[in-house]
Structure formats: structure tokens, C-alpha cells
Amino acid sequence: MNLQLTGHHLEITPALRDYVTSKLARISNHFDHVIDVKVTMSVEKLAQKVEATLHVPGNDLHAECQGENMYSAIDMLTDKLDRQVVKHKEKNTDHHKMNGAVKHQNVQ
């Protein structure tokens, strides 16, 4: 998974970079096929804003969050992305039961 961090009116410190990578590791535990992630952090007056776009095969997942501090915004963002990745993964799985279905049983 390639990670691209961008700061808008904000310098990305090594602590922020480590925090984002540790939180996004949870997403890669659920779904291994994440191609790359683009994260943009910005500060607008009192609002700390984080946006992220995940590129997965067949789809792009986007989420954004605002919080009172950057760490809480990152937490909310990873929760949103985690739910989206699990939903995307469930859509792509094959829901047809091959061995247990009546259609595929041997007739004597």
C-alpha cells in the first residue's frame, strides 16, 4: 500500500505520519488489495480537516472528517474508511453457494 500524505497550511510532523500509518494498517488487515492511499490534512481557522482517498481494484473510496484536533479527525476518518472497505469487500465476494445449493446436488 502506497501512502501519500499532504499538508495544506500544515506541516506534517513525523508523529502525525506515524499515527496515520498505524491507523491505516487496520484497513490493510481487513482488505489486502489496497493499491494506494492519498491523505490530505488541512487547518482552516479552528477546524482540523482530514480527507483520504483509497484506490482499490474497481473502485475509489473517499472520506473526510473534521475534528477539534487532528488526532480525533484521523480516528474518525479511519473508522469511516474501515466501514467502506468492509462494505466494498462484502459486495465483491461471491454469495452463491456452490456445494450446498439444491441446484448443484447430484440427482439419482
N, C-alpha and C. Protein backbone atom coordinates (compact mmCIF):
# COMPACT_ATOMS: atom_id res chain seq x y z
N MET A 1 0.86 -1.17 0.00
CA MET A 1 0.00 0.00 0.00
C MET A 1 0.90 1.23 0.00
N ASN A 2 0.72 2.06 -1.02
CA ASN A 2 1.45 3.31 -1.10
C ASN A 2 0.68 4.40 -0.36
N LEU A 3 1.38 5.17 0.43
CA LEU A 3 0.75 6.22 1.22
C LEU A 3 1.33 7.57 0.83
N GLN A 4 0.44 8.51 0.48
CA GLN A 4 0.86 9.86 0.13
C GLN A 4 0.18 10.82 1.08
N LEU A 5 0.97 11.51 1.90
CA LEU A 5 0.45 12.49 2.86
C LEU A 5 0.73 13.90 2.36
N THR A 6 -0.28 14.75 2.45
CA THR A 6 -0.15 16.13 2.02
C THR A 6 -0.71 17.03 3.12
N GLY A 7 -0.02 18.11 3.39
CA GLY A 7 -0.49 19.09 4.37
C GLY A 7 -0.84 20.39 3.70
N HIS A 8 -2.02 20.92 4.02
CA HIS A 8 -2.45 22.20 3.48
C HIS A 8 -2.53 23.18 4.65
N HIS A 9 -1.66 24.16 4.65
CA HIS A 9 -1.49 25.10 5.76
C HIS A 9 -1.08 24.35 7.04
N LEU A 10 -0.30 23.29 6.87
CA LEU A 10 0.08 22.44 7.99
C LEU A 10 1.35 21.70 7.61
N GLU A 11 2.28 21.64 8.54
CA GLU A 11 3.48 20.85 8.33
C GLU A 11 3.24 19.47 8.95
N ILE A 12 3.49 18.44 8.17
CA ILE A 12 3.26 17.07 8.65
C ILE A 12 4.50 16.62 9.43
N THR A 13 4.30 16.43 10.72
CA THR A 13 5.38 16.01 11.60
C THR A 13 5.54 14.50 11.53
N PRO A 14 6.69 13.99 11.94
CA PRO A 14 6.86 12.53 11.98
C PRO A 14 5.86 11.84 12.90
N ALA A 15 5.43 12.51 13.97
CA ALA A 15 4.43 11.92 14.86
C ALA A 15 3.09 11.75 14.14
N LEU A 16 2.67 12.77 13.37
CA LEU A 16 1.43 12.65 12.60
C LEU A 16 1.55 11.56 11.54
N ARG A 17 2.69 11.49 10.87
CA ARG A 17 2.90 10.48 9.83
C ARG A 17 2.82 9.07 10.43
N ASP A 18 3.45 8.86 11.58
CA ASP A 18 3.42 7.55 12.23
C ASP A 18 2.01 7.20 12.69
N TYR A 19 1.27 8.19 13.19
CA TYR A 19 -0.08 7.95 13.66
C TYR A 19 -1.00 7.54 12.50
N VAL A 20 -0.88 8.22 11.37
CA VAL A 20 -1.70 7.89 10.21
C VAL A 20 -1.36 6.50 9.69
N THR A 21 -0.08 6.17 9.60
CA THR A 21 0.29 4.84 9.09
C THR A 21 -0.16 3.74 10.03
N SER A 22 -0.10 3.97 11.34
CA SER A 22 -0.56 2.94 12.27
C SER A 22 -2.07 2.76 12.19
N LYS A 23 -2.81 3.83 12.00
CA LYS A 23 -4.27 3.73 11.89
C LYS A 23 -4.69 3.09 10.56
N LEU A 24 -3.98 3.40 9.48
CA LEU A 24 -4.33 2.82 8.18
C LEU A 24 -3.90 1.36 8.07
N ALA A 25 -3.06 0.89 8.97
CA ALA A 25 -2.68 -0.52 8.97
C ALA A 25 -3.88 -1.39 9.30
N ARG A 26 -4.83 -0.86 10.06
CA ARG A 26 -6.05 -1.60 10.39
C ARG A 26 -6.88 -1.88 9.14
N ILE A 27 -6.88 -0.93 8.21
CA ILE A 27 -7.62 -1.11 6.97
C ILE A 27 -6.97 -2.21 6.12
N SER A 28 -5.65 -2.23 6.09
CA SER A 28 -4.99 -3.27 5.31
C SER A 28 -5.15 -4.65 5.94
N ASN A 29 -5.49 -4.72 7.24
CA ASN A 29 -5.79 -6.01 7.86
C ASN A 29 -7.11 -6.57 7.33
N HIS A 30 -8.07 -5.69 7.02
CA HIS A 30 -9.37 -6.14 6.52
C HIS A 30 -9.32 -6.46 5.03
N PHE A 31 -8.53 -5.70 4.27
CA PHE A 31 -8.55 -5.83 2.82
C PHE A 31 -7.12 -5.64 2.31
N ASP A 32 -6.56 -6.69 1.71
CA ASP A 32 -5.15 -6.65 1.29
C ASP A 32 -4.93 -5.97 -0.05
N HIS A 33 -5.96 -5.72 -0.81
CA HIS A 33 -5.80 -5.25 -2.18
C HIS A 33 -5.87 -3.73 -2.32
N VAL A 34 -5.51 -2.99 -1.30
CA VAL A 34 -5.48 -1.53 -1.38
C VAL A 34 -4.25 -1.13 -2.18
N ILE A 35 -4.47 -0.39 -3.27
CA ILE A 35 -3.36 0.00 -4.14
C ILE A 35 -2.60 1.18 -3.55
N ASP A 36 -3.29 2.27 -3.33
CA ASP A 36 -2.65 3.41 -2.69
C ASP A 36 -3.67 4.26 -1.95
N VAL A 37 -3.14 5.11 -1.06
CA VAL A 37 -3.97 5.98 -0.22
C VAL A 37 -3.40 7.39 -0.32
N LYS A 38 -4.28 8.36 -0.56
CA LYS A 38 -3.88 9.76 -0.57
C LYS A 38 -4.60 10.46 0.57
N VAL A 39 -3.82 11.01 1.50
CA VAL A 39 -4.38 11.67 2.68
C VAL A 39 -3.98 13.14 2.64
N THR A 40 -4.97 14.01 2.80
CA THR A 40 -4.72 15.45 2.84
C THR A 40 -5.20 15.99 4.18
N MET A 41 -4.30 16.64 4.90
CA MET A 41 -4.64 17.25 6.18
C MET A 41 -4.60 18.76 6.01
N SER A 42 -5.61 19.43 6.56
CA SER A 42 -5.63 20.88 6.43
C SER A 42 -6.17 21.52 7.70
N VAL A 43 -5.82 22.77 7.87
CA VAL A 43 -6.28 23.56 9.01
C VAL A 43 -6.95 24.80 8.45
N GLU A 44 -8.23 24.99 8.81
CA GLU A 44 -8.98 26.17 8.39
C GLU A 44 -9.58 26.80 9.64
N LYS A 45 -9.03 27.91 10.06
CA LYS A 45 -9.40 28.59 11.31
C LYS A 45 -9.31 27.61 12.47
N LEU A 46 -10.42 27.20 13.06
CA LEU A 46 -10.37 26.30 14.21
C LEU A 46 -10.66 24.84 13.83
N ALA A 47 -10.95 24.58 12.57
CA ALA A 47 -11.32 23.23 12.14
C ALA A 47 -10.10 22.49 11.62
N GLN A 48 -9.88 21.31 12.14
CA GLN A 48 -8.84 20.41 11.67
C GLN A 48 -9.52 19.42 10.73
N LYS A 49 -9.11 19.37 9.48
CA LYS A 49 -9.82 18.58 8.48
C LYS A 49 -8.87 17.55 7.87
N VAL A 50 -9.37 16.32 7.70
CA VAL A 50 -8.60 15.24 7.09
C VAL A 50 -9.44 14.61 5.99
N GLU A 51 -8.85 14.45 4.81
CA GLU A 51 -9.52 13.79 3.69
C GLU A 51 -8.64 12.64 3.22
N ALA A 52 -9.27 11.56 2.77
CA ALA A 52 -8.49 10.42 2.27
C ALA A 52 -9.22 9.78 1.10
N THR A 53 -8.45 9.29 0.14
CA THR A 53 -8.97 8.55 -1.00
C THR A 53 -8.20 7.25 -1.10
N LEU A 54 -8.92 6.13 -1.06
CA LEU A 54 -8.33 4.81 -1.20
C LEU A 54 -8.59 4.30 -2.60
N HIS A 55 -7.57 3.83 -3.27
CA HIS A 55 -7.73 3.21 -4.58
C HIS A 55 -7.68 1.71 -4.39
N VAL A 56 -8.80 1.07 -4.65
CA VAL A 56 -8.90 -0.39 -4.60
C VAL A 56 -9.29 -0.86 -5.98
N PRO A 57 -9.04 -2.11 -6.31
CA PRO A 57 -9.40 -2.59 -7.65
C PRO A 57 -10.90 -2.45 -7.91
N GLY A 58 -11.23 -1.67 -8.92
CA GLY A 58 -12.62 -1.50 -9.31
C GLY A 58 -13.34 -0.34 -8.66
N ASN A 59 -12.70 0.38 -7.75
CA ASN A 59 -13.42 1.45 -7.06
C ASN A 59 -12.44 2.40 -6.37
N ASP A 60 -12.90 3.62 -6.12
CA ASP A 60 -12.17 4.59 -5.30
C ASP A 60 -13.08 4.95 -4.13
N LEU A 61 -12.54 4.86 -2.92
CA LEU A 61 -13.30 5.16 -1.72
C LEU A 61 -12.79 6.48 -1.15
N HIS A 62 -13.71 7.39 -0.84
CA HIS A 62 -13.33 8.71 -0.35
C HIS A 62 -14.06 8.99 0.96
N ALA A 63 -13.34 9.61 1.90
CA ALA A 63 -13.95 10.02 3.17
C ALA A 63 -13.27 11.28 3.64
N GLU A 64 -14.00 12.08 4.40
CA GLU A 64 -13.42 13.28 5.01
C GLU A 64 -14.06 13.50 6.37
N CYS A 65 -13.27 14.06 7.28
CA CYS A 65 -13.74 14.31 8.64
C CYS A 65 -13.14 15.61 9.16
N GLN A 66 -13.87 16.23 10.07
CA GLN A 66 -13.39 17.41 10.77
C GLN A 66 -13.45 17.12 12.26
N GLY A 67 -12.46 17.64 12.96
CA GLY A 67 -12.43 17.45 14.40
C GLY A 67 -11.81 18.64 15.09
N GLU A 68 -11.85 18.60 16.41
CA GLU A 68 -11.28 19.70 17.19
C GLU A 68 -9.76 19.62 17.22
N ASN A 69 -9.23 18.38 17.09
CA ASN A 69 -7.79 18.24 16.90
C ASN A 69 -7.53 17.22 15.81
N MET A 70 -6.33 17.17 15.32
CA MET A 70 -6.01 16.35 14.16
C MET A 70 -6.11 14.86 14.47
N TYR A 71 -5.76 14.47 15.68
CA TYR A 71 -5.76 13.05 16.03
C TYR A 71 -7.19 12.49 16.09
N SER A 72 -8.13 13.25 16.62
CA SER A 72 -9.51 12.77 16.65
C SER A 72 -10.10 12.72 15.24
N ALA A 73 -9.72 13.67 14.38
CA ALA A 73 -10.18 13.65 13.00
C ALA A 73 -9.64 12.43 12.26
N ILE A 74 -8.40 12.07 12.53
CA ILE A 74 -7.80 10.88 11.91
C ILE A 74 -8.51 9.62 12.40
N ASP A 75 -8.85 9.56 13.68
CA ASP A 75 -9.58 8.41 14.23
C ASP A 75 -10.93 8.25 13.54
N MET A 76 -11.68 9.34 13.40
CA MET A 76 -12.99 9.27 12.76
C MET A 76 -12.86 8.88 11.29
N LEU A 77 -11.82 9.40 10.63
CA LEU A 77 -11.60 9.08 9.22
C LEU A 77 -11.30 7.60 9.03
N THR A 78 -10.46 7.03 9.86
CA THR A 78 -10.14 5.61 9.70
C THR A 78 -11.35 4.74 10.00
N ASP A 79 -12.21 5.16 10.93
CA ASP A 79 -13.45 4.41 11.17
C ASP A 79 -14.34 4.42 9.93
N LYS A 80 -14.49 5.58 9.30
CA LYS A 80 -15.30 5.68 8.09
C LYS A 80 -14.72 4.82 6.96
N LEU A 81 -13.41 4.93 6.77
CA LEU A 81 -12.78 4.17 5.69
C LEU A 81 -12.86 2.67 5.96
N ASP A 82 -12.76 2.29 7.22
CA ASP A 82 -12.85 0.88 7.58
C ASP A 82 -14.22 0.32 7.23
N ARG A 83 -15.27 1.07 7.55
CA ARG A 83 -16.62 0.63 7.20
C ARG A 83 -16.80 0.55 5.69
N GLN A 84 -16.26 1.50 4.94
CA GLN A 84 -16.39 1.49 3.49
C GLN A 84 -15.64 0.31 2.88
N VAL A 85 -14.46 0.00 3.41
CA VAL A 85 -13.67 -1.11 2.88
C VAL A 85 -14.38 -2.44 3.14
N VAL A 86 -14.95 -2.60 4.34
CA VAL A 86 -15.66 -3.84 4.65
C VAL A 86 -16.88 -3.98 3.75
N LYS A 87 -17.59 -2.90 3.51
CA LYS A 87 -18.75 -2.93 2.63
C LYS A 87 -18.34 -3.27 1.20
N HIS A 88 -17.25 -2.68 0.73
CA HIS A 88 -16.74 -2.97 -0.62
C HIS A 88 -16.32 -4.43 -0.74
N LYS A 89 -15.71 -4.94 0.29
CA LYS A 89 -15.25 -6.33 0.29
C LYS A 89 -16.44 -7.28 0.26
N GLU A 90 -17.50 -6.97 1.01
CA GLU A 90 -18.69 -7.81 1.01
C GLU A 90 -19.41 -7.79 -0.32
N LYS A 91 -19.39 -6.67 -1.02
CA LYS A 91 -20.02 -6.59 -2.34
C LYS A 91 -19.28 -7.45 -3.36
N ASN A 92 -17.97 -7.55 -3.23
CA ASN A 92 -17.18 -8.27 -4.22
C ASN A 92 -17.12 -9.77 -3.98
N THR A 93 -17.50 -10.25 -2.81
CA THR A 93 -17.43 -11.68 -2.55
C THR A 93 -18.57 -12.39 -3.26
N ASP A 94 -18.36 -13.64 -3.59
CA ASP A 94 -19.35 -14.43 -4.28
C ASP A 94 -20.33 -14.98 -3.26
N HIS A 95 -21.59 -14.62 -3.38
CA HIS A 95 -22.59 -15.02 -2.41
C HIS A 95 -23.32 -16.31 -2.81
N HIS A 96 -22.96 -16.90 -3.93
CA HIS A 96 -23.61 -18.12 -4.38
C HIS A 96 -22.96 -19.32 -3.70
N LYS A 97 -23.78 -20.19 -3.17
CA LYS A 97 -23.26 -21.38 -2.51
C LYS A 97 -23.18 -22.49 -3.54
N MET A 98 -21.98 -22.90 -3.86
CA MET A 98 -21.80 -23.91 -4.90
C MET A 98 -22.10 -25.31 -4.39
N ASN A 99 -21.59 -25.70 -3.26
CA ASN A 99 -21.71 -27.08 -2.82
C ASN A 99 -23.01 -27.36 -2.07
N GLY A 100 -23.56 -26.40 -1.37
CA GLY A 100 -24.73 -26.65 -0.55
C GLY A 100 -26.04 -26.34 -1.25
N ALA A 101 -26.00 -25.75 -2.43
CA ALA A 101 -27.23 -25.36 -3.10
C ALA A 101 -27.93 -26.57 -3.69
N VAL A 102 -29.24 -26.51 -3.74
CA VAL A 102 -30.05 -27.59 -4.29
C VAL A 102 -29.75 -27.77 -5.77
N LYS A 103 -29.46 -26.67 -6.44
CA LYS A 103 -29.21 -26.70 -7.87
C LYS A 103 -27.99 -27.55 -8.23
N HIS A 104 -27.00 -27.61 -7.35
CA HIS A 104 -25.75 -28.29 -7.65
C HIS A 104 -25.65 -29.68 -7.03
N GLN A 105 -26.72 -30.21 -6.47
CA GLN A 105 -26.66 -31.54 -5.88
C GLN A 105 -26.91 -32.61 -6.94
N ASN A 106 -26.33 -33.78 -6.73
CA ASN A 106 -26.49 -34.89 -7.66
C ASN A 106 -27.89 -35.46 -7.56
N VAL A 107 -28.50 -35.73 -8.70
CA VAL A 107 -29.84 -36.32 -8.75
C VAL A 107 -29.70 -37.79 -9.12
N GLN A 108 -30.38 -38.68 -8.39
CA GLN A 108 -30.27 -40.12 -8.67
C GLN A 108 -31.50 -40.64 -9.34
